C-alpha atoms as a PDB file:
ATOM      1  CA  MET A   1     -84.656  15.522  86.689  1.00  0.00           C
ATOM      2  CA  GLY A   2     -81.954  17.161  84.595  1.00  0.00           C
ATOM      3  CA  ASN A   3     -81.964  20.319  86.667  1.00  0.00           C
ATOM      4  CA  LEU A   4     -81.519  18.257  89.819  1.00  0.00           C
ATOM      5  CA  LEU A   5     -78.445  16.538  88.361  1.00  0.00           C
ATOM      6  CA  TYR A   6     -76.994  19.905  87.389  1.00  0.00           C
ATOM      7  CA  ILE A   7     -77.564  21.303  90.885  1.00  0.00           C
ATOM      8  CA  ILE A   8     -75.932  18.257  92.482  1.00  0.00           C
ATOM      9  CA  ALA A   9     -72.948  18.581  90.146  1.00  0.00           C
ATOM     10  CA  VAL A  10     -72.525  22.255  91.047  1.00  0.00           C
ATOM     11  CA  ILE A  11     -72.706  21.435  94.765  1.00  0.00           C
ATOM     12  CA  LEU A  12     -70.064  18.727  94.343  1.00  0.00           C
ATOM     13  CA  VAL A  13     -67.756  21.147  92.535  1.00  0.00           C
ATOM     14  CA  ILE A  14     -68.216  23.693  95.327  1.00  0.00           C
ATOM     15  CA  PHE A  15     -67.376  21.030  97.935  1.00  0.00           C
ATOM     16  CA  TRP A  16     -64.315  20.119  95.882  1.00  0.00           C
ATOM     17  CA  LEU A  17     -63.135  23.735  95.858  1.00  0.00           C
ATOM     18  CA  ILE A  18     -63.673  24.050  99.600  1.00  0.00           C
ATOM     19  CA  GLY A  19     -61.772  20.841 100.256  1.00  0.00           C
ATOM     20  CA  PHE A  20     -59.026  21.621  97.773  1.00  0.00           C
ATOM     21  CA  LEU A  21     -58.380  25.114  99.076  1.00  0.00           C
ATOM     22  CA  GLY A  22     -59.180  24.562 102.752  1.00  0.00           C
ATOM     23  CA  PHE A  23     -58.077  21.024 103.581  1.00  0.00           C
ATOM     24  CA  PRO A  24     -55.741  19.776 100.849  1.00  0.00           C
ATOM     25  CA  ASP A  25     -54.145  16.981 102.885  1.00  0.00           C
ATOM     26  CA  ALA A  26     -57.034  15.758 105.006  1.00  0.00           C
ATOM     27  CA  VAL A  27     -59.721  14.994 102.429  1.00  0.00           C
ATOM     28  CA  GLY A  28     -57.897  15.238  99.119  1.00  0.00           C
ATOM     29  CA  GLY A  29     -58.791  11.788  97.831  1.00  0.00           C
ATOM     30  CA  LEU A  30     -62.477  12.031  98.694  1.00  0.00           C
ATOM     31  CA  ILE A  31     -62.789  15.489  97.220  1.00  0.00           C
ATOM     32  CA  HIS A  32     -61.224  14.409  93.939  1.00  0.00           C
ATOM     33  CA  ILE A  33     -63.641  11.487  93.725  1.00  0.00           C
ATOM     34  CA  LEU A  34     -66.496  13.960  94.207  1.00  0.00           C
ATOM     35  CA  LEU A  35     -65.044  16.124  91.447  1.00  0.00           C
ATOM     36  CA  VAL A  36     -64.954  13.186  89.045  1.00  0.00           C
ATOM     37  CA  ILE A  37     -68.582  12.369  89.874  1.00  0.00           C
ATOM     38  CA  ALA A  38     -69.567  16.001  89.282  1.00  0.00           C
ATOM     39  CA  VAL A  39     -67.809  16.111  85.908  1.00  0.00           C
ATOM     40  CA  ILE A  40     -69.481  12.859  84.845  1.00  0.00           C
ATOM     41  CA  MET A  41     -72.880  14.227  85.849  1.00  0.00           C
ATOM     42  CA  VAL A  42     -72.326  17.434  83.869  1.00  0.00           C
ATOM     43  CA  LEU A  43     -71.229  15.449  80.815  1.00  0.00           C
ATOM     44  CA  LEU A  44     -74.304  13.226  81.050  1.00  0.00           C
ATOM     45  CA  ARG A  45     -76.453  16.359  81.263  1.00  0.00           C
ATOM     46  CA  LEU A  46     -74.824  17.807  78.133  1.00  0.00           C
ATOM     47  CA  ILE A  47     -75.079  14.545  76.203  1.00  0.00           C
ATOM     48  CA  ARG A  48     -78.740  14.004  77.069  1.00  0.00           C
ATOM     49  CA  GLY A  49     -79.476  17.618  76.232  1.00  0.00           C
END
């Protein structure tokens, strides 16, 4: 289960980079929400160990 959360977090960060670099005005808000979710998931993974 932990590996799945890590993979999802990495995918969300990649989507954020694509949106941030490719479409900064169109989907900026959504991409930043995805980034926050990814960071939270990574932190939960580190805390749970």
